[in-house]
């Protein structure tokens, strides 16, 4: 996986993934990112939306569940960064998934890095 590097916001080390590289498309790619995160002691991984496979957003595929479960199991926060408004507009299930995820602590969907930093500031 390609990463921009490690940033620390409000005491939370975050592995920032670059826009190029393998797409987050299932358990195997999730484990690759988790390994990268563990290697640099990151507590969260921020993945740009362009690095997330389309199947992730089609909830019936099971990809999102597989990916999210891997991150939860290893206690590393997954953050999808970017605009997903058009995807959410086309799926009530995805809209509900995003809303519920953002209420929790393990998976967030944010518009940009500034929103990520703001969320981390809130704890």
PDB file of N, CA and C in Angstrom:
ATOM      1  N   UNK A   1       0.840  -1.174   0.000  1.00  0.00           N
ATOM      2  CA  UNK A   1       0.000   0.000   0.000  1.00  0.00           C
ATOM      3  C   UNK A   1       0.888   1.242   0.000  1.00  0.00           C
ATOM      4  N   UNK A   2       0.457   2.252  -0.679  1.00  0.00           N
ATOM      5  CA  UNK A   2       1.208   3.497  -0.731  1.00  0.00           C
ATOM      6  C   UNK A   2       0.693   4.447   0.334  1.00  0.00           C
ATOM      7  N   UNK A   3       1.605   4.998   1.116  1.00  0.00           N
ATOM      8  CA  UNK A   3       1.209   5.905   2.183  1.00  0.00           C
ATOM      9  C   UNK A   3       1.965   7.215   2.056  1.00  0.00           C
ATOM     10  N   UNK A   4       1.301   8.303   2.423  1.00  0.00           N
ATOM     11  CA  UNK A   4       1.950   9.601   2.477  1.00  0.00           C
ATOM     12  C   UNK A   4       2.841   9.689   3.699  1.00  0.00           C
ATOM     13  N   UNK A   5       2.445   9.054   4.737  1.00  0.00           N
ATOM     14  CA  UNK A   5       3.233   9.083   5.949  1.00  0.00           C
ATOM     15  C   UNK A   5       2.364   9.130   7.185  1.00  0.00           C
ATOM     16  N   UNK A   6       3.043   9.326   8.289  1.00  0.00           N
ATOM     17  CA  UNK A   6       2.388   9.332   9.581  1.00  0.00           C
ATOM     18  C   UNK A   6       2.252  10.762  10.064  1.00  0.00           C
ATOM     19  N   UNK A   7       1.036  11.117  10.469  1.00  0.00           N
ATOM     20  CA  UNK A   7       0.766  12.434  11.054  1.00  0.00           C
ATOM     21  C   UNK A   7       0.176  12.180  12.435  1.00  0.00           C
ATOM     22  N   UNK A   8       0.414  13.107  13.339  1.00  0.00           N
ATOM     23  CA  UNK A   8      -0.202  13.007  14.657  1.00  0.00           C
ATOM     24  C   UNK A   8      -1.056  14.237  14.879  1.00  0.00           C
ATOM     25  N   UNK A   9      -2.345  13.990  15.092  1.00  0.00           N
ATOM     26  CA  UNK A   9      -3.295  15.057  15.381  1.00  0.00           C
ATOM     27  C   UNK A   9      -3.906  14.780  16.739  1.00  0.00           C
ATOM     28  N   UNK A  10      -3.808  15.744  17.621  1.00  0.00           N
ATOM     29  CA  UNK A  10      -4.417  15.650  18.945  1.00  0.00           C
ATOM     30  C   UNK A  10      -4.023  14.359  19.650  1.00  0.00           C
ATOM     31  N   UNK A  11      -2.749  14.014  19.507  1.00  0.00           N
ATOM     32  CA  UNK A  11      -2.206  12.845  20.167  1.00  0.00           C
ATOM     33  C   UNK A  11      -2.510  11.516  19.510  1.00  0.00           C
ATOM     34  N   UNK A  12      -3.158  11.539  18.351  1.00  0.00           N
ATOM     35  CA  UNK A  12      -3.517  10.302  17.655  1.00  0.00           C
ATOM     36  C   UNK A  12      -2.660  10.151  16.402  1.00  0.00           C
ATOM     37  N   UNK A  13      -1.800   9.130  16.359  1.00  0.00           N
ATOM     38  CA  UNK A  13      -1.015   8.890  15.146  1.00  0.00           C
ATOM     39  C   UNK A  13      -1.900   8.299  14.043  1.00  0.00           C
ATOM     40  N   UNK A  14      -1.868   8.937  12.872  1.00  0.00           N
ATOM     41  CA  UNK A  14      -2.718   8.542  11.750  1.00  0.00           C
ATOM     42  C   UNK A  14      -1.838   8.245  10.543  1.00  0.00           C
ATOM     43  N   UNK A  15      -1.988   7.062   9.976  1.00  0.00           N
ATOM     44  CA  UNK A  15      -1.318   6.712   8.736  1.00  0.00           C
ATOM     45  C   UNK A  15      -2.144   7.268   7.588  1.00  0.00           C
ATOM     46  N   UNK A  16      -1.554   8.181   6.826  1.00  0.00           N
ATOM     47  CA  UNK A  16      -2.245   8.795   5.692  1.00  0.00           C
ATOM     48  C   UNK A  16      -1.865   8.058   4.419  1.00  0.00           C
ATOM     49  N   UNK A  17      -2.830   7.472   3.757  1.00  0.00           N
ATOM     50  CA  UNK A  17      -2.584   6.750   2.514  1.00  0.00           C
ATOM     51  C   UNK A  17      -2.619   7.710   1.341  1.00  0.00           C
ATOM     52  N   UNK A  18      -1.751   7.478   0.387  1.00  0.00           N
ATOM     53  CA  UNK A  18      -1.731   8.279  -0.826  1.00  0.00           C
ATOM     54  C   UNK A  18      -2.856   7.877  -1.766  1.00  0.00           C
ATOM     55  N   UNK A  19      -3.029   8.660  -2.805  1.00  0.00           N
ATOM     56  CA  UNK A  19      -4.096   8.415  -3.767  1.00  0.00           C
ATOM     57  C   UNK A  19      -3.808   7.290  -4.735  1.00  0.00           C
ATOM     58  N   UNK A  20      -2.552   6.893  -4.850  1.00  0.00           N
ATOM     59  CA  UNK A  20      -2.164   5.831  -5.775  1.00  0.00           C
ATOM     60  C   UNK A  20      -1.928   4.535  -5.022  1.00  0.00           C
ATOM     61  N   UNK A  21      -2.123   3.438  -5.702  1.00  0.00           N
ATOM     62  CA  UNK A  21      -1.851   2.145  -5.095  1.00  0.00           C
ATOM     63  C   UNK A  21      -3.067   1.241  -5.141  1.00  0.00           C
ATOM     64  N   UNK A  22      -2.914   0.084  -4.510  1.00  0.00           N
ATOM     65  CA  UNK A  22      -3.996  -0.908  -4.484  1.00  0.00           C
ATOM     66  C   UNK A  22      -5.224  -0.343  -3.797  1.00  0.00           C
ATOM     67  N   UNK A  23      -6.360  -0.703  -4.324  1.00  0.00           N
ATOM     68  CA  UNK A  23      -7.626  -0.260  -3.733  1.00  0.00           C
ATOM     69  C   UNK A  23      -7.967  -1.125  -2.526  1.00  0.00           C
ATOM     70  N   UNK A  24      -8.607  -0.495  -1.571  1.00  0.00           N
ATOM     71  CA  UNK A  24      -9.128  -1.199  -0.411  1.00  0.00           C
ATOM     72  C   UNK A  24     -10.345  -1.975  -0.903  1.00  0.00           C
ATOM     73  N   UNK A  25     -10.143  -3.280  -1.093  1.00  0.00           N
ATOM     74  CA  UNK A  25     -11.157  -4.073  -1.784  1.00  0.00           C
ATOM     75  C   UNK A  25     -11.567  -5.342  -1.052  1.00  0.00           C
ATOM     76  N   UNK A  26     -11.092  -5.502   0.157  1.00  0.00           N
ATOM     77  CA  UNK A  26     -11.457  -6.695   0.908  1.00  0.00           C
ATOM     78  C   UNK A  26     -10.523  -6.926   2.072  1.00  0.00           C
ATOM     79  N   UNK A  27     -10.667  -8.077   2.680  1.00  0.00           N
ATOM     80  CA  UNK A  27      -9.886  -8.408   3.862  1.00  0.00           C
ATOM     81  C   UNK A  27      -8.389  -8.381   3.655  1.00  0.00           C
ATOM     82  N   UNK A  28      -7.923  -8.864   2.501  1.00  0.00           N
ATOM     83  CA  UNK A  28      -6.478  -8.905   2.255  1.00  0.00           C
ATOM     84  C   UNK A  28      -5.871  -7.510   2.206  1.00  0.00           C
ATOM     85  N   UNK A  29      -6.508  -6.608   1.486  1.00  0.00           N
ATOM     86  CA  UNK A  29      -5.968  -5.254   1.406  1.00  0.00           C
ATOM     87  C   UNK A  29      -6.141  -4.528   2.740  1.00  0.00           C
ATOM     88  N   UNK A  30      -7.198  -4.854   3.479  1.00  0.00           N
ATOM     89  CA  UNK A  30      -7.363  -4.286   4.821  1.00  0.00           C
ATOM     90  C   UNK A  30      -6.204  -4.733   5.715  1.00  0.00           C
ATOM     91  N   UNK A  31      -5.866  -6.003   5.657  1.00  0.00           N
ATOM     92  CA  UNK A  31      -4.761  -6.510   6.476  1.00  0.00           C
ATOM     93  C   UNK A  31      -3.427  -5.879   6.088  1.00  0.00           C
ATOM     94  N   UNK A  32      -3.238  -5.589   4.806  1.00  0.00           N
ATOM     95  CA  UNK A  32      -2.022  -4.893   4.378  1.00  0.00           C
ATOM     96  C   UNK A  32      -1.932  -3.527   5.053  1.00  0.00           C
ATOM     97  N   UNK A  33      -3.030  -2.786   5.045  1.00  0.00           N
ATOM     98  CA  UNK A  33      -3.049  -1.463   5.679  1.00  0.00           C
ATOM     99  C   UNK A  33      -2.880  -1.574   7.190  1.00  0.00           C
ATOM    100  N   UNK A  34      -3.502  -2.550   7.785  1.00  0.00           N
ATOM    101  CA  UNK A  34      -3.374  -2.759   9.226  1.00  0.00           C
ATOM    102  C   UNK A  34      -1.923  -3.060   9.582  1.00  0.00           C
ATOM    103  N   UNK A  35      -1.277  -3.886   8.776  1.00  0.00           N
ATOM    104  CA  UNK A  35       0.140  -4.175   8.995  1.00  0.00           C
ATOM    105  C   UNK A  35       0.993  -2.927   8.893  1.00  0.00           C
ATOM    106  N   UNK A  36       0.721  -2.107   7.885  1.00  0.00           N
ATOM    107  CA  UNK A  36       1.450  -0.839   7.741  1.00  0.00           C
ATOM    108  C   UNK A  36       1.226   0.039   8.967  1.00  0.00           C
ATOM    109  N   UNK A  37      -0.022   0.102   9.429  1.00  0.00           N
ATOM    110  CA  UNK A  37      -0.355   0.928  10.589  1.00  0.00           C
ATOM    111  C   UNK A  37       0.349   0.430  11.843  1.00  0.00           C
ATOM    112  N   UNK A  38       0.337  -0.870  12.034  1.00  0.00           N
ATOM    113  CA  UNK A  38       0.990  -1.441  13.216  1.00  0.00           C
ATOM    114  C   UNK A  38       2.502  -1.212  13.161  1.00  0.00           C
ATOM    115  N   UNK A  39       3.047  -1.266  11.951  1.00  0.00           N
ATOM    116  CA  UNK A  39       4.482  -1.063  11.793  1.00  0.00           C
ATOM    117  C   UNK A  39       4.945   0.329  12.185  1.00  0.00           C
ATOM    118  N   UNK A  40       4.079   1.302  12.068  1.00  0.00           N
ATOM    119  CA  UNK A  40       4.459   2.678  12.440  1.00  0.00           C
ATOM    120  C   UNK A  40       3.672   3.160  13.656  1.00  0.00           C
ATOM    121  N   UNK A  41       3.027   2.237  14.362  1.00  0.00           N
ATOM    122  CA  UNK A  41       2.291   2.527  15.600  1.00  0.00           C
ATOM    123  C   UNK A  41       1.151   3.519  15.405  1.00  0.00           C
ATOM    124  N   UNK A  42       0.510   3.467  14.233  1.00  0.00           N
ATOM    125  CA  UNK A  42      -0.643   4.327  13.969  1.00  0.00           C
ATOM    126  C   UNK A  42      -1.875   3.750  14.652  1.00  0.00           C
ATOM    127  N   UNK A  43      -2.738   4.623  15.123  1.00  0.00           N
ATOM    128  CA  UNK A  43      -3.994   4.219  15.733  1.00  0.00           C
ATOM    129  C   UNK A  43      -5.165   4.351  14.758  1.00  0.00           C
ATOM    130  N   UNK A  44      -4.890   4.993  13.619  1.00  0.00           N
ATOM    131  CA  UNK A  44      -5.924   5.187  12.603  1.00  0.00           C
ATOM    132  C   UNK A  44      -5.275   5.159  11.230  1.00  0.00           C
ATOM    133  N   UNK A  45      -6.061   4.772  10.239  1.00  0.00           N
ATOM    134  CA  UNK A  45      -5.625   4.783   8.846  1.00  0.00           C
ATOM    135  C   UNK A  45      -6.621   5.617   8.057  1.00  0.00           C
ATOM    136  N   UNK A  46      -6.119   6.623   7.360  1.00  0.00           N
ATOM    137  CA  UNK A  46      -6.965   7.488   6.532  1.00  0.00           C
ATOM    138  C   UNK A  46      -6.751   7.112   5.071  1.00  0.00           C
ATOM    139  N   UNK A  47      -7.817   6.648   4.432  1.00  0.00           N
ATOM    140  CA  UNK A  47      -7.758   6.174   3.052  1.00  0.00           C
ATOM    141  C   UNK A  47      -8.576   7.116   2.167  1.00  0.00           C
ATOM    142  N   UNK A  48      -7.960   7.691   1.133  1.00  0.00           N
ATOM    143  CA  UNK A  48      -8.750   8.544   0.236  1.00  0.00           C
ATOM    144  C   UNK A  48      -9.791   7.714  -0.516  1.00  0.00           C
ATOM    145  N   UNK A  49     -10.929   8.316  -0.740  1.00  0.00           N
ATOM    146  CA  UNK A  49     -12.049   7.597  -1.350  1.00  0.00           C
ATOM    147  C   UNK A  49     -11.664   6.990  -2.700  1.00  0.00           C
ATOM    148  N   UNK A  50     -10.761   7.618  -3.428  1.00  0.00           N
ATOM    149  CA  UNK A  50     -10.357   7.058  -4.726  1.00  0.00           C
ATOM    150  C   UNK A  50      -9.569   5.761  -4.570  1.00  0.00           C
ATOM    151  N   UNK A  51      -9.135   5.435  -3.360  1.00  0.00           N
ATOM    152  CA  UNK A  51      -8.430   4.182  -3.089  1.00  0.00           C
ATOM    153  C   UNK A  51      -9.365   3.114  -2.525  1.00  0.00           C
ATOM    154  N   UNK A  52     -10.660   3.388  -2.529  1.00  0.00           N
ATOM    155  CA  UNK A  52     -11.643   2.430  -2.014  1.00  0.00           C
ATOM    156  C   UNK A  52     -12.386   1.831  -3.209  1.00  0.00           C
ATOM    157  N   UNK A  53     -12.408   0.518  -3.278  1.00  0.00           N
ATOM    158  CA  UNK A  53     -13.068  -0.179  -4.388  1.00  0.00           C
ATOM    159  C   UNK A  53     -14.560   0.118  -4.400  1.00  0.00           C
ATOM    160  N   UNK A  54     -15.129   0.154  -5.586  1.00  0.00           N
ATOM    161  CA  UNK A  54     -16.566   0.396  -5.742  1.00  0.00           C
ATOM    162  C   UNK A  54     -17.392  -0.614  -4.952  1.00  0.00           C
ATOM    163  N   UNK A  55     -16.920  -1.847  -4.872  1.00  0.00           N
ATOM    164  CA  UNK A  55     -17.653  -2.901  -4.170  1.00  0.00           C
ATOM    165  C   UNK A  55     -17.839  -2.577  -2.688  1.00  0.00           C
ATOM    166  N   UNK A  56     -16.919  -1.824  -2.118  1.00  0.00           N
ATOM    167  CA  UNK A  56     -17.040  -1.425  -0.716  1.00  0.00           C
ATOM    168  C   UNK A  56     -18.351  -0.680  -0.483  1.00  0.00           C
ATOM    169  N   UNK A  57     -18.718   0.163  -1.441  1.00  0.00           N
ATOM    170  CA  UNK A  57     -19.906   1.000  -1.309  1.00  0.00           C
ATOM    171  C   UNK A  57     -21.192   0.272  -1.705  1.00  0.00           C
ATOM    172  N   UNK A  58     -21.067  -0.900  -2.292  1.00  0.00           N
ATOM    173  CA  UNK A  58     -22.233  -1.748  -2.588  1.00  0.00           C
ATOM    174  C   UNK A  58     -22.341  -2.725  -1.422  1.00  0.00           C
ATOM    175  N   UNK A  59     -23.090  -2.366  -0.408  1.00  0.00           N
ATOM    176  CA  UNK A  59     -23.076  -3.107   0.855  1.00  0.00           C
ATOM    177  C   UNK A  59     -23.428  -4.578   0.710  1.00  0.00           C
ATOM    178  N   UNK A  60     -24.231  -4.909  -0.279  1.00  0.00           N
ATOM    179  CA  UNK A  60     -24.599  -6.318  -0.492  1.00  0.00           C
ATOM    180  C   UNK A  60     -23.395  -7.184  -0.841  1.00  0.00           C
ATOM    181  N   UNK A  61     -22.328  -6.565  -1.330  1.00  0.00           N
ATOM    182  CA  UNK A  61     -21.133  -7.333  -1.700  1.00  0.00           C
ATOM    183  C   UNK A  61     -20.424  -7.916  -0.488  1.00  0.00           C
ATOM    184  N   UNK A  62     -20.623  -7.314   0.675  1.00  0.00           N
ATOM    185  CA  UNK A  62     -19.956  -7.791   1.888  1.00  0.00           C
ATOM    186  C   UNK A  62     -18.560  -7.237   2.090  1.00  0.00           C
ATOM    187  N   UNK A  63     -18.048  -6.494   1.120  1.00  0.00           N
ATOM    188  CA  UNK A  63     -16.683  -5.975   1.213  1.00  0.00           C
ATOM    189  C   UNK A  63     -16.544  -5.010   2.387  1.00  0.00           C
ATOM    190  N   UNK A  64     -17.477  -4.089   2.536  1.00  0.00           N
ATOM    191  CA  UNK A  64     -17.391  -3.118   3.636  1.00  0.00           C
ATOM    192  C   UNK A  64     -17.380  -3.838   4.985  1.00  0.00           C
ATOM    193  N   UNK A  65     -18.248  -4.801   5.145  1.00  0.00           N
ATOM    194  CA  UNK A  65     -18.300  -5.542   6.397  1.00  0.00           C
ATOM    195  C   UNK A  65     -17.000  -6.263   6.686  1.00  0.00           C
ATOM    196  N   UNK A  66     -16.425  -6.888   5.669  1.00  0.00           N
ATOM    197  CA  UNK A  66     -15.158  -7.600   5.814  1.00  0.00           C
ATOM    198  C   UNK A  66     -14.044  -6.637   6.216  1.00  0.00           C
ATOM    199  N   UNK A  67     -13.956  -5.517   5.519  1.00  0.00           N
ATOM    200  CA  UNK A  67     -12.906  -4.532   5.784  1.00  0.00           C
ATOM    201  C   UNK A  67     -13.063  -3.937   7.175  1.00  0.00           C
ATOM    202  N   UNK A  68     -14.253  -3.474   7.487  1.00  0.00           N
ATOM    203  CA  UNK A  68     -14.492  -2.839   8.783  1.00  0.00           C
ATOM    204  C   UNK A  68     -14.219  -3.812   9.918  1.00  0.00           C
ATOM    205  N   UNK A  69     -14.650  -5.053   9.766  1.00  0.00           N
ATOM    206  CA  UNK A  69     -14.425  -6.041  10.829  1.00  0.00           C
ATOM    207  C   UNK A  69     -12.939  -6.262  11.086  1.00  0.00           C
ATOM    208  N   UNK A  70     -12.137  -6.281  10.051  1.00  0.00           N
ATOM    209  CA  UNK A  70     -10.688  -6.447  10.225  1.00  0.00           C
ATOM    210  C   UNK A  70     -10.122  -5.296  11.049  1.00  0.00           C
ATOM    211  N   UNK A  71     -10.502  -4.067  10.718  1.00  0.00           N
ATOM    212  CA  UNK A  71      -9.996  -2.914  11.455  1.00  0.00           C
ATOM    213  C   UNK A  71     -10.459  -2.943  12.909  1.00  0.00           C
ATOM    214  N   UNK A  72     -11.701  -3.301  13.145  1.00  0.00           N
ATOM    215  CA  UNK A  72     -12.208  -3.375  14.515  1.00  0.00           C
ATOM    216  C   UNK A  72     -11.458  -4.452  15.292  1.00  0.00           C
ATOM    217  N   UNK A  73     -11.247  -5.606  14.675  1.00  0.00           N
ATOM    218  CA  UNK A  73     -10.547  -6.698  15.348  1.00  0.00           C
ATOM    219  C   UNK A  73      -9.154  -6.283  15.811  1.00  0.00           C
ATOM    220  N   UNK A  74      -8.474  -5.483  15.009  1.00  0.00           N
ATOM    221  CA  UNK A  74      -7.119  -5.044  15.345  1.00  0.00           C
ATOM    222  C   UNK A  74      -7.108  -3.704  16.078  1.00  0.00           C
ATOM    223  N   UNK A  75      -8.292  -3.167  16.368  1.00  0.00           N
ATOM    224  CA  UNK A  75      -8.439  -1.915  17.115  1.00  0.00           C
ATOM    225  C   UNK A  75      -7.693  -0.751  16.478  1.00  0.00           C
ATOM    226  N   UNK A  76      -7.850  -0.658  15.169  1.00  0.00           N
ATOM    227  CA  UNK A  76      -7.298   0.459  14.400  1.00  0.00           C
ATOM    228  C   UNK A  76      -8.468   1.128  13.694  1.00  0.00           C
ATOM    229  N   UNK A  77      -8.554   2.432  13.863  1.00  0.00           N
ATOM    230  CA  UNK A  77      -9.658   3.204  13.281  1.00  0.00           C
ATOM    231  C   UNK A  77      -9.457   3.319  11.772  1.00  0.00           C
ATOM    232  N   UNK A  78     -10.523   3.131  11.020  1.00  0.00           N
ATOM    233  CA  UNK A  78     -10.523   3.309   9.566  1.00  0.00           C
ATOM    234  C   UNK A  78     -11.270   4.592   9.242  1.00  0.00           C
ATOM    235  N   UNK A  79     -10.623   5.455   8.461  1.00  0.00           N
ATOM    236  CA  UNK A  79     -11.251   6.705   8.059  1.00  0.00           C
ATOM    237  C   UNK A  79     -11.218   6.780   6.531  1.00  0.00           C
ATOM    238  N   UNK A  80     -12.391   6.894   5.927  1.00  0.00           N
ATOM    239  CA  UNK A  80     -12.493   7.091   4.483  1.00  0.00           C
ATOM    240  C   UNK A  80     -12.607   8.592   4.268  1.00  0.00           C
ATOM    241  N   UNK A  81     -11.671   9.136   3.480  1.00  0.00           N
ATOM    242  CA  UNK A  81     -11.585  10.582   3.299  1.00  0.00           C
ATOM    243  C   UNK A  81     -11.978  10.953   1.872  1.00  0.00           C
ATOM    244  N   UNK A  82     -12.995  11.799   1.742  1.00  0.00           N
ATOM    245  CA  UNK A  82     -13.395  12.274   0.424  1.00  0.00           C
ATOM    246  C   UNK A  82     -14.903  12.382   0.304  1.00  0.00           C
ATOM    247  N   UNK A  83     -15.313  12.868  -0.828  1.00  0.00           N
ATOM    248  CA  UNK A  83     -16.728  13.121  -1.089  1.00  0.00           C
ATOM    249  C   UNK A  83     -17.418  11.846  -1.573  1.00  0.00           C
ATOM    250  N   UNK A  84     -18.379  11.385  -0.795  1.00  0.00           N
ATOM    251  CA  UNK A  84     -19.163  10.208  -1.186  1.00  0.00           C
ATOM    252  C   UNK A  84     -20.637  10.563  -1.330  1.00  0.00           C
ATOM    253  N   UNK A  85     -20.929  11.840  -1.462  1.00  0.00           N
ATOM    254  CA  UNK A  85     -22.329  12.308  -1.514  1.00  0.00           C
ATOM    255  C   UNK A  85     -23.123  11.624  -2.618  1.00  0.00           C
ATOM    256  N   UNK A  86     -22.553  11.465  -3.791  1.00  0.00           N
ATOM    257  CA  UNK A  86     -23.308  10.853  -4.888  1.00  0.00           C
ATOM    258  C   UNK A  86     -23.589   9.379  -4.610  1.00  0.00           C
ATOM    259  N   UNK A  87     -22.671   8.699  -3.954  1.00  0.00           N
ATOM    260  CA  UNK A  87     -22.888   7.292  -3.605  1.00  0.00           C
ATOM    261  C   UNK A  87     -23.983   7.164  -2.550  1.00  0.00           C
ATOM    262  N   UNK A  88     -23.926   8.030  -1.545  1.00  0.00           N
ATOM    263  CA  UNK A  88     -24.910   8.000  -0.466  1.00  0.00           C
ATOM    264  C   UNK A  88     -26.295   8.351  -0.992  1.00  0.00           C
ATOM    265  N   UNK A  89     -26.355   9.301  -1.926  1.00  0.00           N
ATOM    266  CA  UNK A  89     -27.640   9.710  -2.496  1.00  0.00           C
ATOM    267  C   UNK A  89     -28.323   8.558  -3.226  1.00  0.00           C
ATOM    268  N   UNK A  90     -27.539   7.622  -3.744  1.00  0.00           N
ATOM    269  CA  UNK A  90     -28.099   6.518  -4.509  1.00  0.00           C
ATOM    270  C   UNK A  90     -28.416   5.283  -3.706  1.00  0.00           C
ATOM    271  N   UNK A  91     -28.198   5.323  -2.384  1.00  0.00           N
ATOM    272  CA  UNK A  91     -28.414   4.119  -1.584  1.00  0.00           C
ATOM    273  C   UNK A  91     -28.808   4.477  -0.156  1.00  0.00           C
ATOM    274  N   UNK A  92     -30.030   4.134   0.200  1.00  0.00           N
ATOM    275  CA  UNK A  92     -30.471   4.359   1.577  1.00  0.00           C
ATOM    276  C   UNK A  92     -29.644   3.537   2.557  1.00  0.00           C
ATOM    277  N   UNK A  93     -29.318   2.322   2.183  1.00  0.00           N
ATOM    278  CA  UNK A  93     -28.535   1.454   3.070  1.00  0.00           C
ATOM    279  C   UNK A  93     -27.150   2.046   3.323  1.00  0.00           C
ATOM    280  N   UNK A  94     -26.514   2.552   2.276  1.00  0.00           N
ATOM    281  CA  UNK A  94     -25.194   3.154   2.440  1.00  0.00           C
ATOM    282  C   UNK A  94     -25.295   4.414   3.292  1.00  0.00           C
ATOM    283  N   UNK A  95     -26.320   5.211   3.058  1.00  0.00           N
ATOM    284  CA  UNK A  95     -26.505   6.425   3.859  1.00  0.00           C
ATOM    285  C   UNK A  95     -26.617   6.062   5.341  1.00  0.00           C
ATOM    286  N   UNK A  96     -27.389   5.033   5.642  1.00  0.00           N
ATOM    287  CA  UNK A  96     -27.557   4.599   7.024  1.00  0.00           C
ATOM    288  C   UNK A  96     -26.250   4.058   7.599  1.00  0.00           C
ATOM    289  N   UNK A  97     -25.520   3.305   6.806  1.00  0.00           N
ATOM    290  CA  UNK A  97     -24.234   2.757   7.239  1.00  0.00           C
ATOM    291  C   UNK A  97     -23.254   3.873   7.568  1.00  0.00           C
ATOM    292  N   UNK A  98     -23.169   4.875   6.710  1.00  0.00           N
ATOM    293  CA  UNK A  98     -22.263   6.004   6.930  1.00  0.00           C
ATOM    294  C   UNK A  98     -22.675   6.768   8.192  1.00  0.00           C
ATOM    295  N   UNK A  99     -23.959   7.029   8.343  1.00  0.00           N
ATOM    296  CA  UNK A  99     -24.444   7.761   9.515  1.00  0.00           C
ATOM    297  C   UNK A  99     -24.113   7.006  10.804  1.00  0.00           C
ATOM    298  N   UNK A 100     -24.390   5.715  10.822  1.00  0.00           N
ATOM    299  CA  UNK A 100     -24.120   4.919  12.025  1.00  0.00           C
ATOM    300  C   UNK A 100     -22.618   4.790  12.282  1.00  0.00           C
ATOM    301  N   UNK A 101     -21.844   4.633  11.234  1.00  0.00           N
ATOM    302  CA  UNK A 101     -20.391   4.546  11.395  1.00  0.00           C
ATOM    303  C   UNK A 101     -19.845   5.826  12.006  1.00  0.00           C
ATOM    304  N   UNK A 102     -20.313   6.954  11.531  1.00  0.00           N
ATOM    305  CA  UNK A 102     -19.819   8.236  12.027  1.00  0.00           C
ATOM    306  C   UNK A 102     -20.236   8.515  13.467  1.00  0.00           C
ATOM    307  N   UNK A 103     -21.226   7.813  13.968  1.00  0.00           N
ATOM    308  CA  UNK A 103     -21.611   7.938  15.377  1.00  0.00           C
ATOM    309  C   UNK A 103     -20.674   7.158  16.280  1.00  0.00           C
ATOM    310  N   UNK A 104     -19.969   6.203  15.705  1.00  0.00           N
ATOM    311  CA  UNK A 104     -19.088   5.338  16.485  1.00  0.00           C
ATOM    312  C   UNK A 104     -17.657   5.848  16.528  1.00  0.00           C
ATOM    313  N   UNK A 105     -16.771   4.949  16.894  1.00  0.00           N
ATOM    314  CA  UNK A 105     -15.364   5.338  17.045  1.00  0.00           C
ATOM    315  C   UNK A 105     -14.417   4.608  16.095  1.00  0.00           C
ATOM    316  N   UNK A 106     -14.874   3.552  15.426  1.00  0.00           N
ATOM    317  CA  UNK A 106     -13.945   2.731  14.650  1.00  0.00           C
ATOM    318  C   UNK A 106     -13.918   3.025  13.164  1.00  0.00           C
ATOM    319  N   UNK A 107     -14.998   3.487  12.596  1.00  0.00           N
ATOM    320  CA  UNK A 107     -15.045   3.775  11.159  1.00  0.00           C
ATOM    321  C   UNK A 107     -15.718   5.119  10.963  1.00  0.00           C
ATOM    322  N   UNK A 108     -14.998   5.999  10.255  1.00  0.00           N
ATOM    323  CA  UNK A 108     -15.544   7.328   9.971  1.00  0.00           C
ATOM    324  C   UNK A 108     -15.465   7.605   8.486  1.00  0.00           C
ATOM    325  N   UNK A 109     -16.384   8.397   8.017  1.00  0.00           N
ATOM    326  CA  UNK A 109     -16.379   8.932   6.663  1.00  0.00           C
ATOM    327  C   UNK A 109     -16.301  10.448   6.813  1.00  0.00           C
ATOM    328  N   UNK A 110     -15.233  11.045   6.319  1.00  0.00           N
ATOM    329  CA  UNK A 110     -15.045  12.489   6.442  1.00  0.00           C
ATOM    330  C   UNK A 110     -14.789  13.080   5.056  1.00  0.00           C
ATOM    331  N   UNK A 111     -15.106  14.359   4.907  1.00  0.00           N
ATOM    332  CA  UNK A 111     -14.955  15.021   3.615  1.00  0.00           C
ATOM    333  C   UNK A 111     -13.491  15.305   3.277  1.00  0.00           C
ATOM    334  N   UNK A 112     -12.693  15.635   4.292  1.00  0.00           N
ATOM    335  CA  UNK A 112     -11.298  16.010   4.041  1.00  0.00           C
ATOM    336  C   UNK A 112     -10.477  15.851   5.319  1.00  0.00           C
ATOM    337  N   UNK A 113      -9.185  16.133   5.208  1.00  0.00           N
ATOM    338  CA  UNK A 113      -8.302  15.984   6.374  1.00  0.00           C
ATOM    339  C   UNK A 113      -8.666  16.955   7.488  1.00  0.00           C
ATOM    340  N   UNK A 114      -9.161  18.127   7.135  1.00  0.00           N
ATOM    341  CA  UNK A 114      -9.556  19.102   8.156  1.00  0.00           C
ATOM    342  C   UNK A 114     -10.679  18.535   9.017  1.00  0.00           C
ATOM    343  N   UNK A 115     -11.645  17.867   8.387  1.00  0.00           N
ATOM    344  CA  UNK A 115     -12.738  17.257   9.150  1.00  0.00           C
ATOM    345  C   UNK A 115     -12.220  16.119  10.012  1.00  0.00           C
ATOM    346  N   UNK A 116     -11.263  15.356   9.503  1.00  0.00           N
ATOM    347  CA  UNK A 116     -10.650  14.296  10.299  1.00  0.00           C
ATOM    348  C   UNK A 116      -9.989  14.884  11.544  1.00  0.00           C
ATOM    349  N   UNK A 117      -9.224  15.935  11.350  1.00  0.00           N
ATOM    350  CA  UNK A 117      -8.543  16.577  12.479  1.00  0.00           C
ATOM    351  C   UNK A 117      -9.564  17.079  13.504  1.00  0.00           C
ATOM    352  N   UNK A 118     -10.656  17.654  13.021  1.00  0.00           N
ATOM    353  CA  UNK A 118     -11.717  18.130  13.912  1.00  0.00           C
ATOM    354  C   UNK A 118     -12.333  16.991  14.709  1.00  0.00           C
ATOM    355  N   UNK A 119     -12.581  15.871  14.039  1.00  0.00           N
ATOM    356  CA  UNK A 119     -13.163  14.702  14.732  1.00  0.00           C
ATOM    357  C   UNK A 119     -12.208  14.175  15.808  1.00  0.00           C
ATOM    358  N   UNK A 120     -10.926  14.160  15.489  1.00  0.00           N
ATOM    359  CA  UNK A 120      -9.948  13.688  16.467  1.00  0.00           C
ATOM    360  C   UNK A 120      -9.853  14.642  17.652  1.00  0.00           C
ATOM    361  N   UNK A 121     -10.033  15.915  17.415  1.00  0.00           N
ATOM    362  CA  UNK A 121      -9.984  16.908  18.482  1.00  0.00           C
ATOM    363  C   UNK A 121     -11.117  16.688  19.493  1.00  0.00           C
ATOM    364  N   UNK A 122     -12.247  16.191  19.006  1.00  0.00           N
ATOM    365  CA  UNK A 122     -13.402  15.948  19.874  1.00  0.00           C
ATOM    366  C   UNK A 122     -13.240  14.693  20.719  1.00  0.00           C
ATOM    367  N   UNK A 123     -12.244  13.883  20.351  1.00  0.00           N
ATOM    368  CA  UNK A 123     -11.980  12.689  21.146  1.00  0.00           C
ATOM    369  C   UNK A 123     -12.546  11.463  20.647  1.00  0.00           C
TER     370      UNK A 123
END
